[in-house]
Amino acid sequence: MSLSSEARKTLAGITTATITTVLLKKGLRNVWMRGARPLRPGLPRLVGPAFTLRFVPAREDLATPESWSSPISTRTAIEAMPDGCIAVVDAMGITDAGIFGDILCARMMKRGVTALVTDGVVRDVEGVLGTNLPVWCDGYAAPPSVAGLTFVGWGEPIGCGGVAVFPNDIVVADQDGCVLIPQAMLDHVLNEGVEQERMEAWIVNEVNNGAVLPGLYPMNAETKARYAASKK
C-alpha cells in the first residue's frame, strides 16, 4: 500500500493520543503497542505503512550465527523493505536479546526506512543511535537475537506489543509510543483526527482563559454551539 504525501502530512499533525481516541469511538481499543518507546528523546512524529517481521522463541538448531546467512534472515528481510515503510518487529516482548544492531540499522537507513518499531530490544545502542534511524523499542541488551529468538519471516500478520499488525497497516509513532491504524480505518482517522485536534485546541484555549471543565470537557449543548460558531 502506498501512503500519499498528503496523508502522511495530515497524520504527522495528529497525535497518537488523538488517534487512540478516534479509534476508540469506533470500538477499537487495542491499537497502542506496549513496550515500544522512543529510544531517543525528542523524535518527531513519524508515519508509514507497516513492513512486518516475526521472531519465535529460540530453538538451538535454528537460532545460530550461521542462520544469519540463511535466505530466511533479518538481512534478507531488510533488503525487501520498501522506501518509506516502518519496520514493525514481533519479538514477543523478549528483552534479553537484541533483534538488530548498528550495522542492520545503518542498512535500513540507506534503504529509506522511516523507523523501526518493536516490542523487543536493540543492541549496540550507541551505534544504533549513531545511525540516526528512529527507533521505538523496549530498551537495549548486549546479546544477539539468536541468544533468545529465532527469526522466521516477514510480510505476514504479526503481534507487536499485544497488537495485531497486518502488512501495510498504517503506523504512527511519537513520544507517547506507536499506534496502529487498520487500512480500512485510514480515511476515518484522517477526517476525524483533524477535527479532534481542532476541537481539543479550542478547549485548551478555553481552559487557559479560565473556563471550568464541567460542560466544557466533554461539551454540553451550549459549549458545542459556541464551538460550532467559532469555526464559522
Protein backbone atom coordinates (compact mmCIF):
# COMPACT_ATOMS: atom_id res chain seq x y z
CA MET A 1 0.00 0.00 0.00
CA SER A 2 1.34 3.41 -0.92
CA LEU A 3 0.64 6.23 1.51
CA SER A 4 0.16 9.59 -0.17
CA SER A 5 2.32 12.52 0.86
CA GLU A 6 -0.87 14.37 1.80
CA ALA A 7 -1.97 11.56 4.13
CA ARG A 8 1.49 11.44 5.70
CA LYS A 9 1.43 15.18 6.28
CA THR A 10 -2.04 15.05 7.81
CA LEU A 11 -1.19 12.16 10.13
CA ALA A 12 2.04 13.89 11.18
CA GLY A 13 -0.21 16.57 12.68
CA ILE A 14 -2.37 14.13 14.67
CA THR A 15 -1.04 12.79 17.97
CA THR A 16 -1.10 9.10 18.80
CA ALA A 17 -3.25 10.04 21.79
CA THR A 18 -5.83 11.57 19.49
CA ILE A 19 -5.71 8.58 17.15
CA THR A 20 -6.44 6.19 20.02
CA THR A 21 -9.44 8.33 20.97
CA VAL A 22 -10.76 8.42 17.40
CA LEU A 23 -10.40 4.65 17.05
CA LEU A 24 -11.88 4.03 20.49
CA LYS A 25 -15.05 5.80 19.35
CA LYS A 26 -15.25 3.19 16.56
CA GLY A 27 -14.78 0.33 19.03
CA LEU A 28 -11.05 -0.31 18.51
CA ARG A 29 -9.43 -0.41 21.95
CA ASN A 30 -6.23 -2.34 21.28
CA VAL A 31 -4.09 -0.29 18.89
CA TRP A 32 -1.24 1.02 21.10
CA MET A 33 1.86 -1.20 21.01
CA ARG A 34 3.07 -1.98 24.51
CA GLY A 35 6.79 -1.70 25.14
CA ALA A 36 7.58 0.35 22.02
CA ARG A 37 9.05 3.59 23.38
CA PRO A 38 11.30 6.11 21.63
CA LEU A 39 14.96 5.13 22.03
CA ARG A 40 15.99 8.76 21.68
CA PRO A 41 14.01 11.62 23.30
CA GLY A 42 12.58 14.26 21.02
CA LEU A 43 11.97 12.16 17.91
CA PRO A 44 9.48 13.76 15.52
CA ARG A 45 6.13 12.12 14.86
CA LEU A 46 6.62 9.61 12.05
CA VAL A 47 4.16 7.83 9.77
CA GLY A 48 4.43 4.89 7.40
CA PRO A 49 2.96 1.59 6.22
CA ALA A 50 3.98 -1.41 8.28
CA PHE A 51 6.59 -3.85 6.98
CA THR A 52 6.26 -6.79 9.35
CA LEU A 53 8.94 -9.16 10.68
CA ARG A 54 8.44 -12.07 13.08
CA PHE A 55 10.56 -13.89 15.63
CA VAL A 56 9.62 -17.01 17.63
CA PRO A 57 11.38 -18.43 20.69
CA ALA A 58 14.95 -19.56 20.18
CA ARG A 59 15.49 -23.15 19.14
CA GLU A 60 19.09 -24.24 19.36
CA ASP A 61 19.28 -25.98 15.98
CA LEU A 62 17.88 -22.92 14.19
CA ALA A 63 18.96 -19.88 16.23
CA THR A 64 22.66 -19.92 15.36
CA PRO A 65 25.12 -17.38 13.96
CA GLU A 66 25.07 -19.41 10.74
CA SER A 67 21.36 -18.63 10.36
CA TRP A 68 22.28 -15.00 9.60
CA SER A 69 23.37 -16.22 6.14
CA SER A 70 20.11 -18.08 5.51
CA PRO A 71 17.67 -16.94 2.82
CA ILE A 72 15.20 -16.54 5.71
CA SER A 73 17.13 -13.99 7.74
CA THR A 74 16.84 -10.46 9.02
CA ARG A 75 19.48 -9.50 6.45
CA THR A 76 17.33 -10.70 3.56
CA ALA A 77 14.23 -9.11 5.05
CA ILE A 78 15.92 -5.71 5.25
CA GLU A 79 16.71 -5.87 1.53
CA ALA A 80 12.97 -6.31 0.88
CA MET A 81 11.95 -3.23 2.88
CA PRO A 82 10.44 -0.54 0.64
CA ASP A 83 11.33 3.12 0.91
CA GLY A 84 9.16 4.95 3.45
CA CYS A 85 7.98 1.89 5.37
CA ILE A 86 8.05 1.44 9.13
CA ALA A 87 9.59 -1.91 10.10
CA VAL A 88 7.41 -3.47 12.80
CA VAL A 89 9.05 -6.43 14.53
CA ASP A 90 7.36 -9.06 16.67
CA ALA A 91 9.97 -10.02 19.26
CA MET A 92 7.39 -11.39 21.73
CA GLY A 93 8.48 -8.85 24.31
CA ILE A 94 11.84 -10.57 24.79
CA THR A 95 14.24 -8.05 26.34
CA ASP A 96 17.47 -10.01 26.77
CA ALA A 97 18.36 -10.46 23.08
CA GLY A 98 18.78 -7.52 20.68
CA ILE A 99 16.93 -8.03 17.41
CA PHE A 100 19.02 -5.52 15.40
CA GLY A 101 22.33 -3.73 15.95
CA ASP A 102 24.10 -0.81 14.38
CA ILE A 103 25.02 -2.47 11.07
CA LEU A 104 21.47 -3.61 10.30
CA CYS A 105 20.04 -0.26 11.35
CA ALA A 106 22.57 1.55 9.15
CA ARG A 107 21.44 -0.53 6.18
CA MET A 108 17.81 0.27 6.94
CA MET A 109 18.67 3.96 6.84
CA LYS A 110 20.30 3.50 3.44
CA ARG A 111 17.16 1.81 2.17
CA GLY A 112 15.00 4.76 3.24
CA VAL A 113 13.17 3.00 6.07
CA THR A 114 11.24 5.58 8.11
CA ALA A 115 11.57 3.89 11.52
CA LEU A 116 11.99 0.65 13.43
CA VAL A 117 9.27 -0.37 15.91
CA THR A 118 9.48 -3.43 18.14
CA ASP A 119 8.28 -4.81 21.45
CA GLY A 120 11.80 -6.18 21.88
CA VAL A 121 15.18 -4.50 22.23
CA VAL A 122 18.17 -3.46 20.12
CA ARG A 123 21.89 -3.99 20.72
CA ASP A 124 24.97 -1.85 20.03
CA VAL A 125 22.86 1.03 21.30
CA GLU A 126 25.49 3.74 20.79
CA GLY A 127 25.97 2.61 17.21
CA VAL A 128 22.23 2.39 16.62
CA LEU A 129 21.81 5.94 17.86
CA GLY A 130 24.68 6.95 15.59
CA THR A 131 22.83 5.68 12.51
CA ASN A 132 20.04 8.23 13.18
CA LEU A 133 17.43 5.56 12.42
CA PRO A 134 14.38 6.46 14.54
CA VAL A 135 13.73 3.51 16.86
CA TRP A 136 10.85 2.69 19.19
CA CYS A 137 11.68 -0.33 21.36
CA ASP A 138 11.69 -1.69 24.91
CA GLY A 139 15.34 -0.90 25.64
CA TYR A 140 18.64 -2.50 24.75
CA ALA A 141 20.71 -5.58 25.55
CA ALA A 142 24.14 -6.88 24.57
CA PRO A 143 23.29 -10.46 23.45
CA PRO A 144 22.43 -11.04 19.76
CA SER A 145 19.00 -12.11 18.59
CA VAL A 146 19.90 -15.81 18.38
CA ALA A 147 20.57 -15.83 22.13
CA GLY A 148 16.84 -15.73 22.69
CA LEU A 149 14.96 -15.63 19.38
CA THR A 150 14.57 -17.40 16.04
CA PHE A 151 13.75 -15.27 13.00
CA VAL A 152 11.09 -16.92 10.86
CA GLY A 153 9.82 -14.48 8.26
CA TRP A 154 8.45 -11.20 7.06
CA GLY A 155 5.44 -9.78 5.24
CA GLU A 156 2.82 -11.63 7.30
CA PRO A 157 0.45 -10.75 10.15
CA ILE A 158 2.24 -10.41 13.48
CA GLY A 159 1.60 -9.38 17.06
CA CYS A 160 3.68 -6.47 18.33
CA GLY A 161 3.19 -5.26 21.87
CA GLY A 162 -0.08 -7.14 22.04
CA VAL A 163 -1.45 -5.52 18.87
CA ALA A 164 -2.33 -7.39 15.67
CA VAL A 165 -0.36 -5.81 12.81
CA PHE A 166 -1.02 -6.70 9.19
CA PRO A 167 1.34 -5.73 6.38
CA ASN A 168 0.61 -2.21 5.11
CA ASP A 169 -1.46 -1.19 8.12
CA ILE A 170 -0.50 2.39 8.98
CA VAL A 171 1.77 3.09 11.94
CA VAL A 172 2.07 6.47 13.66
CA ALA A 173 4.84 6.87 16.24
CA ASP A 174 5.55 9.77 18.58
CA GLN A 175 6.63 10.44 22.17
CA ASP A 176 3.56 8.57 23.52
CA GLY A 177 4.51 5.43 21.60
CA CYS A 178 3.25 3.67 18.49
CA VAL A 179 -0.32 3.33 17.28
CA LEU A 180 -1.70 1.15 14.51
CA ILE A 181 -4.37 2.33 12.08
CA PRO A 182 -6.04 -0.50 10.15
CA GLN A 183 -6.04 0.21 6.42
CA ALA A 184 -9.83 0.28 6.34
CA MET A 185 -9.88 2.99 9.04
CA LEU A 186 -7.38 5.37 7.45
CA ASP A 187 -9.85 7.77 5.83
CA HIS A 188 -11.88 7.92 9.03
CA VAL A 189 -8.81 8.79 11.10
CA LEU A 190 -7.70 11.41 8.57
CA ASN A 191 -11.07 13.12 8.77
CA GLU A 192 -11.94 12.71 12.43
CA GLY A 193 -8.39 13.14 13.72
CA VAL A 194 -8.06 16.61 12.26
CA GLU A 195 -11.39 17.66 13.79
CA GLN A 196 -10.48 16.13 17.17
CA GLU A 197 -7.21 18.09 17.23
CA ARG A 198 -9.02 21.30 16.30
CA MET A 199 -11.66 20.78 18.99
CA GLU A 200 -9.15 19.98 21.72
CA ALA A 201 -7.04 23.02 20.82
CA TRP A 202 -10.18 25.16 21.24
CA ILE A 203 -10.89 23.52 24.61
CA VAL A 204 -7.34 24.16 25.80
CA ASN A 205 -7.72 27.80 24.84
CA GLU A 206 -10.95 27.97 26.84
CA VAL A 207 -9.21 26.44 29.86
CA ASN A 208 -6.37 28.93 29.56
CA ASN A 209 -9.00 31.69 29.58
CA GLY A 210 -10.39 30.41 32.88
CA ALA A 211 -13.26 28.13 31.81
CA VAL A 212 -14.26 25.34 34.19
CA LEU A 213 -14.30 21.73 32.99
CA PRO A 214 -17.92 20.69 33.65
CA GLY A 215 -19.84 21.38 30.46
CA LEU A 216 -16.61 22.08 28.58
CA TYR A 217 -14.90 18.70 28.54
CA PRO A 218 -16.99 16.89 27.48
CA MET A 219 -19.01 19.62 25.83
CA ASN A 220 -22.61 20.28 26.73
CA ALA A 221 -25.08 21.67 24.18
CA GLU A 222 -24.20 25.30 24.91
CA THR A 223 -20.47 24.69 24.55
CA LYS A 224 -21.00 22.74 21.34
CA ALA A 225 -22.88 25.71 19.94
CA ARG A 226 -20.07 28.11 20.90
CA TYR A 227 -17.51 25.80 19.36
CA ALA A 228 -19.52 25.49 16.14
CA ALA A 229 -19.77 29.27 15.95
CA SER A 230 -16.01 29.60 16.39
CA LYS A 231 -15.45 27.63 13.18
CA LYS A 232 -17.52 29.96 11.02
